[in-house]
């Protein structure tokens, strides 16, 4: 299933600083990664209007930080 929000190509361009996570990979993507760099977790849903507005803002901020912070996005409906 393709993400409803965000830009997968843009996520790849951010060299792993923006990733989608699941309950199976959350510990690795958030807990373990936070030992190296601060991690922002974006819990979102496809039906959430404010989520659709906030995600691009978060992605742009993380890209602008150039590795100082990581963004992990989790679809709460999956």
C-alpha atoms as a PDB file:
ATOM      1  CA  UNK A   1       0.000   0.000   0.000  1.00  0.00           C
ATOM      2  CA  UNK A   2       1.401   3.395  -0.967  1.00  0.00           C
ATOM      3  CA  UNK A   3       1.536   6.200   1.594  1.00  0.00           C
ATOM      4  CA  UNK A   4      -1.359   8.636   1.382  1.00  0.00           C
ATOM      5  CA  UNK A   5       0.695  11.570   2.604  1.00  0.00           C
ATOM      6  CA  UNK A   6       4.315  12.460   2.328  1.00  0.00           C
ATOM      7  CA  UNK A   7       6.655  11.939  -0.561  1.00  0.00           C
ATOM      8  CA  UNK A   8       8.394   8.567  -0.743  1.00  0.00           C
ATOM      9  CA  UNK A   9      10.848   9.894  -3.340  1.00  0.00           C
ATOM     10  CA  UNK A  10      11.594  12.837  -1.088  1.00  0.00           C
ATOM     11  CA  UNK A  11      12.108  10.473   1.804  1.00  0.00           C
ATOM     12  CA  UNK A  12      14.742   8.598  -0.192  1.00  0.00           C
ATOM     13  CA  UNK A  13      16.391  11.894  -1.079  1.00  0.00           C
ATOM     14  CA  UNK A  14      16.691  12.661   2.630  1.00  0.00           C
ATOM     15  CA  UNK A  15      19.095   9.702   2.990  1.00  0.00           C
ATOM     16  CA  UNK A  16      17.097   7.808   5.595  1.00  0.00           C
ATOM     17  CA  UNK A  17      16.255  10.845   7.712  1.00  0.00           C
ATOM     18  CA  UNK A  18      12.554  10.436   6.863  1.00  0.00           C
ATOM     19  CA  UNK A  19      11.180   6.909   7.165  1.00  0.00           C
ATOM     20  CA  UNK A  20       7.861   5.123   7.491  1.00  0.00           C
ATOM     21  CA  UNK A  21       7.625   2.702  10.403  1.00  0.00           C
ATOM     22  CA  UNK A  22       5.323  -0.052  11.642  1.00  0.00           C
ATOM     23  CA  UNK A  23       4.739  -1.655  15.012  1.00  0.00           C
ATOM     24  CA  UNK A  24       7.311  -4.271  13.995  1.00  0.00           C
ATOM     25  CA  UNK A  25      10.052  -1.739  13.169  1.00  0.00           C
ATOM     26  CA  UNK A  26       9.182   1.031  15.655  1.00  0.00           C
ATOM     27  CA  UNK A  27      11.845   0.076  18.224  1.00  0.00           C
ATOM     28  CA  UNK A  28      14.581   0.079  15.593  1.00  0.00           C
ATOM     29  CA  UNK A  29      13.383   3.176  13.753  1.00  0.00           C
ATOM     30  CA  UNK A  30      12.694   5.294  16.840  1.00  0.00           C
ATOM     31  CA  UNK A  31      14.272   3.949  20.029  1.00  0.00           C
ATOM     32  CA  UNK A  32      17.550   2.723  18.569  1.00  0.00           C
ATOM     33  CA  UNK A  33      17.874   5.649  16.149  1.00  0.00           C
ATOM     34  CA  UNK A  34      17.342   8.143  18.987  1.00  0.00           C
ATOM     35  CA  UNK A  35      20.658   7.048  20.478  1.00  0.00           C
ATOM     36  CA  UNK A  36      22.370   8.756  17.542  1.00  0.00           C
ATOM     37  CA  UNK A  37      20.111  11.692  16.679  1.00  0.00           C
ATOM     38  CA  UNK A  38      16.853  13.223  17.998  1.00  0.00           C
ATOM     39  CA  UNK A  39      13.797  11.562  16.429  1.00  0.00           C
ATOM     40  CA  UNK A  40      10.454  13.224  15.728  1.00  0.00           C
ATOM     41  CA  UNK A  41       7.597  10.714  15.497  1.00  0.00           C
ATOM     42  CA  UNK A  42       4.637  11.684  13.317  1.00  0.00           C
ATOM     43  CA  UNK A  43       1.590   9.540  14.127  1.00  0.00           C
ATOM     44  CA  UNK A  44      -0.824  10.125  11.241  1.00  0.00           C
ATOM     45  CA  UNK A  45      -3.921   8.682   9.562  1.00  0.00           C
ATOM     46  CA  UNK A  46      -5.125   8.898   5.945  1.00  0.00           C
ATOM     47  CA  UNK A  47      -8.420  10.459   7.048  1.00  0.00           C
ATOM     48  CA  UNK A  48      -6.757  13.171   9.190  1.00  0.00           C
ATOM     49  CA  UNK A  49      -6.830  16.586   7.511  1.00  0.00           C
ATOM     50  CA  UNK A  50      -4.414  18.270   9.942  1.00  0.00           C
ATOM     51  CA  UNK A  51      -1.991  15.355   9.456  1.00  0.00           C
ATOM     52  CA  UNK A  52      -1.954  15.999   5.721  1.00  0.00           C
ATOM     53  CA  UNK A  53      -1.096  19.633   6.390  1.00  0.00           C
ATOM     54  CA  UNK A  54       1.572  18.967   9.030  1.00  0.00           C
ATOM     55  CA  UNK A  55       3.518  16.185   7.308  1.00  0.00           C
ATOM     56  CA  UNK A  56       5.077  18.321   4.540  1.00  0.00           C
ATOM     57  CA  UNK A  57       6.063  20.943   7.120  1.00  0.00           C
ATOM     58  CA  UNK A  58       7.810  18.309   9.243  1.00  0.00           C
ATOM     59  CA  UNK A  59       9.508  16.774   6.204  1.00  0.00           C
ATOM     60  CA  UNK A  60      10.817  20.155   5.048  1.00  0.00           C
ATOM     61  CA  UNK A  61      12.104  20.988   8.541  1.00  0.00           C
ATOM     62  CA  UNK A  62      13.940  17.661   8.798  1.00  0.00           C
ATOM     63  CA  UNK A  63      15.486  18.104   5.355  1.00  0.00           C
ATOM     64  CA  UNK A  64      16.552  21.647   6.282  1.00  0.00           C
ATOM     65  CA  UNK A  65      18.176  20.334   9.483  1.00  0.00           C
ATOM     66  CA  UNK A  66      20.551  18.261   7.294  1.00  0.00           C
ATOM     67  CA  UNK A  67      20.960  15.287   9.588  1.00  0.00           C
ATOM     68  CA  UNK A  68      20.499  16.982  12.959  1.00  0.00           C
ATOM     69  CA  UNK A  69      17.124  15.262  13.415  1.00  0.00           C
ATOM     70  CA  UNK A  70      15.230  12.287  11.960  1.00  0.00           C
ATOM     71  CA  UNK A  71      11.501  11.987  11.154  1.00  0.00           C
ATOM     72  CA  UNK A  72       9.701   8.674  11.612  1.00  0.00           C
ATOM     73  CA  UNK A  73       6.122   8.489  10.311  1.00  0.00           C
ATOM     74  CA  UNK A  74       3.621   5.910  11.548  1.00  0.00           C
ATOM     75  CA  UNK A  75       0.184   5.331  10.025  1.00  0.00           C
ATOM     76  CA  UNK A  76      -1.982   4.616  13.062  1.00  0.00           C
ATOM     77  CA  UNK A  77      -4.575   2.811  10.929  1.00  0.00           C
ATOM     78  CA  UNK A  78      -2.151   0.065   9.880  1.00  0.00           C
END
